Amino acid sequence: MAHPFRFYEISSKKSEISSSGIRQLSFACEDNPEVFCFLWINQSKQLKHIQFLFGESVLEWESDLGIRCSQTNRVEDPEVKIGVHKGSRSLHSNDDPKLLSESLEHMKRCEFPEEWNAQVHSKFYP
């Protein structure tokens, strides 16, 4: 089996800001600079939204919408255009079952800090 993606929490001002009782936590991967995870939690520390980015693919879970996959605009057209800043990304839904399967396999390899690990995995593998 491939090595796990081990995450650590990034402390920042953004994680302290609460909008409508929801705040964002950011996680970086120890071994891969192209892998990130963001959690949005309520005041009771319950997950409301998870966004797992690996390369130009995104696996998400939202309390109201469930699981879905997206890819960034960089997959289709990497050239810089007028009005699009270098580094900017937009997400585009991708209903490809193969992408979903691959994304879930990546998620299985994720190891989050103990406080979040079981809670995150339970949303993708109930």
N, C-alpha and C. Protein backbone atom coordinates (compact mmCIF):
# COMPACT_ATOMS: atom_id res chain seq x y z
N MET A 1 0.85 -1.19 0.00
CA MET A 1 0.00 0.00 0.00
C MET A 1 0.89 1.25 0.00
N ALA A 2 0.44 2.27 -0.67
CA ALA A 2 1.18 3.53 -0.74
C ALA A 2 1.21 4.20 0.63
N HIS A 3 2.21 5.03 0.84
CA HIS A 3 2.36 5.70 2.13
C HIS A 3 1.19 6.63 2.39
N PRO A 4 0.88 6.86 3.66
CA PRO A 4 -0.27 7.74 3.99
C PRO A 4 0.04 9.21 3.74
N PHE A 5 -1.02 9.98 3.61
CA PHE A 5 -0.92 11.43 3.59
C PHE A 5 -1.13 11.89 5.03
N ARG A 6 -0.09 12.36 5.68
CA ARG A 6 -0.19 12.82 7.07
C ARG A 6 -0.38 14.34 7.08
N PHE A 7 -1.42 14.77 7.77
CA PHE A 7 -1.75 16.19 7.79
C PHE A 7 -1.46 16.82 9.14
N TYR A 8 -1.14 18.08 9.11
CA TYR A 8 -0.99 18.88 10.33
C TYR A 8 -1.79 20.16 10.13
N GLU A 9 -2.30 20.69 11.24
CA GLU A 9 -3.11 21.90 11.17
C GLU A 9 -2.23 23.13 11.05
N ILE A 10 -2.63 24.04 10.20
CA ILE A 10 -1.94 25.31 10.02
C ILE A 10 -2.65 26.34 10.89
N SER A 11 -1.95 26.89 11.85
CA SER A 11 -2.55 27.93 12.69
C SER A 11 -2.48 29.26 11.95
N SER A 12 -3.63 29.91 11.89
CA SER A 12 -3.68 31.20 11.20
C SER A 12 -4.83 32.03 11.75
N LYS A 13 -4.82 33.31 11.43
CA LYS A 13 -5.91 34.19 11.82
C LYS A 13 -7.23 33.72 11.22
N LYS A 14 -7.17 33.17 10.01
CA LYS A 14 -8.38 32.73 9.33
C LYS A 14 -9.12 31.66 10.13
N SER A 15 -8.37 30.78 10.83
CA SER A 15 -9.03 29.73 11.62
C SER A 15 -9.71 30.29 12.86
N GLU A 16 -9.41 31.53 13.22
CA GLU A 16 -10.04 32.15 14.38
C GLU A 16 -11.31 32.91 14.01
N ILE A 17 -11.44 33.27 12.75
CA ILE A 17 -12.58 34.06 12.29
C ILE A 17 -13.79 33.16 12.13
N SER A 18 -14.91 33.60 12.65
CA SER A 18 -16.13 32.82 12.55
C SER A 18 -17.17 33.61 11.76
N SER A 19 -17.75 32.98 10.77
CA SER A 19 -18.80 33.60 9.97
C SER A 19 -20.07 32.79 10.18
N SER A 20 -21.07 33.40 10.78
CA SER A 20 -22.33 32.70 11.07
C SER A 20 -22.10 31.45 11.92
N GLY A 21 -21.13 31.51 12.80
CA GLY A 21 -20.85 30.37 13.67
C GLY A 21 -20.02 29.27 13.04
N ILE A 22 -19.58 29.46 11.80
CA ILE A 22 -18.76 28.48 11.08
C ILE A 22 -17.35 29.04 10.91
N ARG A 23 -16.35 28.21 11.18
CA ARG A 23 -14.97 28.64 10.95
C ARG A 23 -14.22 27.59 10.15
N GLN A 24 -13.17 28.03 9.49
CA GLN A 24 -12.40 27.16 8.61
C GLN A 24 -11.09 26.75 9.27
N LEU A 25 -10.77 25.46 9.20
CA LEU A 25 -9.48 24.95 9.63
C LEU A 25 -8.72 24.50 8.39
N SER A 26 -7.43 24.79 8.34
CA SER A 26 -6.60 24.44 7.19
C SER A 26 -5.57 23.40 7.60
N PHE A 27 -5.38 22.41 6.73
CA PHE A 27 -4.41 21.34 6.97
C PHE A 27 -3.51 21.19 5.77
N ALA A 28 -2.23 21.01 6.03
CA ALA A 28 -1.25 20.75 4.97
C ALA A 28 -0.72 19.34 5.13
N CYS A 29 -0.26 18.77 4.05
CA CYS A 29 0.28 17.41 4.05
C CYS A 29 1.79 17.48 4.31
N GLU A 30 2.26 16.64 5.22
CA GLU A 30 3.69 16.62 5.57
C GLU A 30 4.58 16.26 4.39
N ASP A 31 4.13 15.35 3.55
CA ASP A 31 4.98 14.78 2.51
C ASP A 31 4.70 15.24 1.09
N ASN A 32 3.60 15.97 0.89
CA ASN A 32 3.25 16.35 -0.46
C ASN A 32 2.72 17.78 -0.49
N PRO A 33 3.46 18.71 -1.07
CA PRO A 33 3.04 20.11 -1.06
C PRO A 33 1.82 20.41 -1.94
N GLU A 34 1.33 19.44 -2.71
CA GLU A 34 0.16 19.64 -3.55
C GLU A 34 -1.11 19.06 -2.95
N VAL A 35 -1.04 18.64 -1.68
CA VAL A 35 -2.20 18.03 -1.03
C VAL A 35 -2.58 18.87 0.18
N PHE A 36 -3.85 19.28 0.24
CA PHE A 36 -4.37 20.11 1.32
C PHE A 36 -5.74 19.62 1.72
N CYS A 37 -6.18 20.03 2.89
CA CYS A 37 -7.54 19.75 3.31
C CYS A 37 -8.04 20.94 4.13
N PHE A 38 -9.30 21.28 3.91
CA PHE A 38 -9.94 22.36 4.66
C PHE A 38 -11.20 21.81 5.30
N LEU A 39 -11.40 22.14 6.55
CA LEU A 39 -12.60 21.74 7.28
C LEU A 39 -13.34 22.99 7.71
N TRP A 40 -14.65 22.96 7.57
CA TRP A 40 -15.49 24.03 8.11
C TRP A 40 -16.29 23.40 9.23
N ILE A 41 -16.21 23.97 10.41
CA ILE A 41 -16.86 23.41 11.59
C ILE A 41 -17.75 24.45 12.26
N ASN A 42 -18.75 23.95 12.99
CA ASN A 42 -19.61 24.87 13.74
C ASN A 42 -19.04 25.06 15.14
N GLN A 43 -19.74 25.79 15.98
CA GLN A 43 -19.25 26.09 17.32
C GLN A 43 -19.13 24.85 18.19
N SER A 44 -19.87 23.79 17.85
CA SER A 44 -19.80 22.52 18.59
C SER A 44 -18.74 21.57 18.02
N LYS A 45 -17.92 22.09 17.11
CA LYS A 45 -16.86 21.32 16.45
C LYS A 45 -17.41 20.16 15.62
N GLN A 46 -18.59 20.35 15.05
CA GLN A 46 -19.16 19.37 14.13
C GLN A 46 -18.83 19.81 12.71
N LEU A 47 -18.47 18.86 11.88
CA LEU A 47 -18.11 19.15 10.50
C LEU A 47 -19.33 19.58 9.69
N LYS A 48 -19.15 20.62 8.91
CA LYS A 48 -20.19 21.11 8.01
C LYS A 48 -19.77 20.97 6.55
N HIS A 49 -18.44 21.02 6.31
CA HIS A 49 -17.93 20.95 4.94
C HIS A 49 -16.47 20.49 5.01
N ILE A 50 -16.10 19.60 4.10
CA ILE A 50 -14.72 19.13 3.96
C ILE A 50 -14.32 19.32 2.51
N GLN A 51 -13.12 19.84 2.30
CA GLN A 51 -12.60 20.00 0.94
C GLN A 51 -11.18 19.44 0.95
N PHE A 52 -10.97 18.37 0.19
CA PHE A 52 -9.69 17.69 0.10
C PHE A 52 -9.13 17.93 -1.30
N LEU A 53 -8.00 18.62 -1.40
CA LEU A 53 -7.39 18.96 -2.69
C LEU A 53 -6.12 18.15 -2.88
N PHE A 54 -6.03 17.48 -4.01
CA PHE A 54 -4.80 16.78 -4.37
C PHE A 54 -4.54 17.04 -5.84
N GLY A 55 -3.44 17.76 -6.07
CA GLY A 55 -3.16 18.19 -7.43
C GLY A 55 -4.25 19.14 -7.89
N GLU A 56 -4.88 18.84 -8.99
CA GLU A 56 -5.95 19.68 -9.54
C GLU A 56 -7.32 19.04 -9.38
N SER A 57 -7.42 18.04 -8.51
CA SER A 57 -8.70 17.38 -8.21
C SER A 57 -9.14 17.71 -6.80
N VAL A 58 -10.46 17.71 -6.60
CA VAL A 58 -11.02 18.07 -5.31
C VAL A 58 -12.11 17.07 -4.94
N LEU A 59 -12.04 16.55 -3.73
CA LEU A 59 -13.07 15.69 -3.17
C LEU A 59 -13.72 16.48 -2.05
N GLU A 60 -15.06 16.59 -2.09
CA GLU A 60 -15.75 17.39 -1.08
C GLU A 60 -16.88 16.60 -0.44
N TRP A 61 -17.17 16.97 0.78
CA TRP A 61 -18.36 16.52 1.49
C TRP A 61 -18.99 17.76 2.10
N GLU A 62 -20.30 17.89 1.94
CA GLU A 62 -21.04 18.97 2.59
C GLU A 62 -22.25 18.36 3.26
N SER A 63 -22.58 18.87 4.44
CA SER A 63 -23.67 18.30 5.21
C SER A 63 -24.98 18.27 4.43
N ASP A 64 -25.23 19.24 3.57
CA ASP A 64 -26.48 19.28 2.81
C ASP A 64 -26.42 18.58 1.46
N LEU A 65 -25.19 18.39 0.92
CA LEU A 65 -25.06 17.88 -0.45
C LEU A 65 -24.40 16.51 -0.56
N GLY A 66 -23.72 16.04 0.47
CA GLY A 66 -23.03 14.77 0.40
C GLY A 66 -21.68 14.89 -0.27
N ILE A 67 -21.26 13.80 -0.93
CA ILE A 67 -19.93 13.72 -1.55
C ILE A 67 -20.00 14.10 -3.02
N ARG A 68 -18.98 14.85 -3.47
CA ARG A 68 -18.88 15.18 -4.89
C ARG A 68 -17.41 15.43 -5.24
N CYS A 69 -17.13 15.36 -6.53
CA CYS A 69 -15.78 15.61 -7.05
C CYS A 69 -15.80 16.79 -8.00
N SER A 70 -14.67 17.47 -8.05
CA SER A 70 -14.48 18.58 -8.97
C SER A 70 -13.04 18.55 -9.45
N GLN A 71 -12.80 19.30 -10.50
CA GLN A 71 -11.45 19.53 -10.97
C GLN A 71 -11.30 21.02 -11.18
N THR A 72 -10.07 21.49 -11.10
CA THR A 72 -9.85 22.92 -11.28
C THR A 72 -9.79 23.26 -12.76
N ASN A 73 -9.88 24.54 -13.05
CA ASN A 73 -9.77 25.01 -14.42
C ASN A 73 -8.39 24.75 -15.01
N ARG A 74 -7.40 24.48 -14.18
CA ARG A 74 -6.04 24.25 -14.67
C ARG A 74 -5.90 22.92 -15.40
N VAL A 75 -6.80 21.97 -15.16
CA VAL A 75 -6.73 20.68 -15.84
C VAL A 75 -7.02 20.85 -17.32
N GLU A 76 -8.02 21.68 -17.63
CA GLU A 76 -8.46 21.83 -19.01
C GLU A 76 -7.62 22.83 -19.79
N ASP A 77 -7.27 23.97 -19.17
CA ASP A 77 -6.62 25.03 -19.91
C ASP A 77 -5.60 25.75 -19.02
N PRO A 78 -4.37 25.28 -19.01
CA PRO A 78 -3.37 25.85 -18.11
C PRO A 78 -2.82 27.21 -18.53
N GLU A 79 -3.16 27.71 -19.74
CA GLU A 79 -2.57 28.98 -20.17
C GLU A 79 -3.22 30.16 -19.44
N VAL A 80 -2.47 31.20 -19.25
CA VAL A 80 -2.95 32.40 -18.57
C VAL A 80 -3.76 33.23 -19.56
N LYS A 81 -4.92 33.71 -19.09
CA LYS A 81 -5.79 34.51 -19.95
C LYS A 81 -5.97 35.88 -19.32
N ILE A 82 -6.40 36.84 -20.12
CA ILE A 82 -6.69 38.18 -19.63
C ILE A 82 -7.80 38.09 -18.59
N GLY A 83 -7.61 38.76 -17.48
CA GLY A 83 -8.62 38.76 -16.43
C GLY A 83 -8.51 37.61 -15.45
N VAL A 84 -7.65 36.64 -15.73
CA VAL A 84 -7.44 35.51 -14.82
C VAL A 84 -6.05 35.66 -14.24
N HIS A 85 -5.98 35.85 -12.95
CA HIS A 85 -4.70 36.04 -12.30
C HIS A 85 -3.94 34.73 -12.20
N LYS A 86 -2.65 34.82 -12.37
CA LYS A 86 -1.82 33.63 -12.22
C LYS A 86 -2.05 33.06 -10.83
N GLY A 87 -2.30 31.78 -10.78
CA GLY A 87 -2.54 31.13 -9.49
C GLY A 87 -4.01 30.99 -9.14
N SER A 88 -4.90 31.71 -9.83
CA SER A 88 -6.31 31.61 -9.48
C SER A 88 -6.88 30.30 -10.02
N ARG A 89 -7.80 29.76 -9.27
CA ARG A 89 -8.44 28.50 -9.66
C ARG A 89 -9.94 28.65 -9.53
N SER A 90 -10.64 27.91 -10.36
CA SER A 90 -12.08 27.77 -10.19
C SER A 90 -12.37 26.27 -10.24
N LEU A 91 -13.42 25.85 -9.56
CA LEU A 91 -13.78 24.44 -9.53
C LEU A 91 -14.90 24.16 -10.50
N HIS A 92 -14.80 22.99 -11.17
CA HIS A 92 -15.80 22.56 -12.13
C HIS A 92 -16.20 21.13 -11.77
N SER A 93 -17.48 20.93 -11.57
CA SER A 93 -17.99 19.61 -11.19
C SER A 93 -17.56 18.56 -12.20
N ASN A 94 -17.27 17.37 -11.69
CA ASN A 94 -16.87 16.26 -12.54
C ASN A 94 -17.58 15.01 -12.02
N ASP A 95 -18.51 14.48 -12.81
CA ASP A 95 -19.30 13.32 -12.40
C ASP A 95 -18.67 11.99 -12.80
N ASP A 96 -17.41 12.01 -13.20
CA ASP A 96 -16.71 10.81 -13.64
C ASP A 96 -16.57 9.82 -12.47
N PRO A 97 -17.17 8.63 -12.56
CA PRO A 97 -17.08 7.65 -11.47
C PRO A 97 -15.64 7.22 -11.18
N LYS A 98 -14.79 7.22 -12.21
CA LYS A 98 -13.38 6.85 -12.01
C LYS A 98 -12.68 7.88 -11.13
N LEU A 99 -12.95 9.18 -11.36
CA LEU A 99 -12.35 10.23 -10.54
C LEU A 99 -12.83 10.11 -9.10
N LEU A 100 -14.11 9.84 -8.90
CA LEU A 100 -14.64 9.67 -7.55
C LEU A 100 -13.96 8.48 -6.85
N SER A 101 -13.85 7.37 -7.55
CA SER A 101 -13.21 6.18 -6.97
C SER A 101 -11.75 6.47 -6.60
N GLU A 102 -11.01 7.11 -7.50
CA GLU A 102 -9.61 7.45 -7.22
C GLU A 102 -9.50 8.42 -6.05
N SER A 103 -10.42 9.38 -6.01
CA SER A 103 -10.41 10.37 -4.93
C SER A 103 -10.66 9.72 -3.58
N LEU A 104 -11.61 8.79 -3.54
CA LEU A 104 -11.90 8.09 -2.28
C LEU A 104 -10.73 7.21 -1.85
N GLU A 105 -10.01 6.65 -2.83
CA GLU A 105 -8.81 5.87 -2.50
C GLU A 105 -7.74 6.78 -1.87
N HIS A 106 -7.58 7.99 -2.41
CA HIS A 106 -6.64 8.94 -1.81
C HIS A 106 -7.07 9.28 -0.39
N MET A 107 -8.36 9.50 -0.19
CA MET A 107 -8.86 9.87 1.14
C MET A 107 -8.59 8.77 2.16
N LYS A 108 -8.66 7.52 1.75
CA LYS A 108 -8.38 6.40 2.66
C LYS A 108 -6.98 6.50 3.24
N ARG A 109 -6.06 7.08 2.50
CA ARG A 109 -4.66 7.19 2.92
C ARG A 109 -4.41 8.38 3.84
N CYS A 110 -5.41 9.20 4.06
CA CYS A 110 -5.23 10.42 4.85
C CYS A 110 -5.23 10.14 6.35
N GLU A 111 -4.30 10.76 7.02
CA GLU A 111 -4.22 10.70 8.48
C GLU A 111 -4.22 12.13 9.00
N PHE A 112 -5.29 12.46 9.73
CA PHE A 112 -5.44 13.79 10.29
C PHE A 112 -5.09 13.76 11.77
N PRO A 113 -4.89 14.92 12.38
CA PRO A 113 -4.68 14.93 13.82
C PRO A 113 -5.82 14.17 14.51
N GLU A 114 -5.49 13.53 15.61
CA GLU A 114 -6.42 12.62 16.30
C GLU A 114 -7.82 13.21 16.51
N GLU A 115 -7.88 14.47 16.84
CA GLU A 115 -9.17 15.12 17.10
C GLU A 115 -10.11 15.06 15.89
N TRP A 116 -9.55 15.01 14.67
CA TRP A 116 -10.36 15.08 13.45
C TRP A 116 -10.39 13.80 12.63
N ASN A 117 -9.46 12.91 12.80
CA ASN A 117 -9.30 11.77 11.90
C ASN A 117 -10.58 10.94 11.74
N ALA A 118 -11.14 10.44 12.83
CA ALA A 118 -12.33 9.58 12.74
C ALA A 118 -13.52 10.36 12.19
N GLN A 119 -13.68 11.60 12.61
CA GLN A 119 -14.81 12.40 12.17
C GLN A 119 -14.76 12.65 10.65
N VAL A 120 -13.57 12.96 10.13
CA VAL A 120 -13.43 13.20 8.69
C VAL A 120 -13.71 11.92 7.92
N HIS A 121 -13.10 10.82 8.31
CA HIS A 121 -13.27 9.56 7.58
C HIS A 121 -14.71 9.07 7.63
N SER A 122 -15.41 9.34 8.71
CA SER A 122 -16.81 8.87 8.81
C SER A 122 -17.71 9.53 7.77
N LYS A 123 -17.35 10.69 7.27
CA LYS A 123 -18.18 11.36 6.25
C LYS A 123 -18.02 10.72 4.88
N PHE A 124 -16.86 10.11 4.61
CA PHE A 124 -16.62 9.48 3.32
C PHE A 124 -16.84 7.98 3.35
N TYR A 125 -16.77 7.39 4.53
CA TYR A 125 -16.94 5.93 4.70
C TYR A 125 -17.85 5.67 5.89
N PRO A 126 -19.15 5.95 5.72
CA PRO A 126 -20.08 5.81 6.87
C PRO A 126 -20.20 4.38 7.36
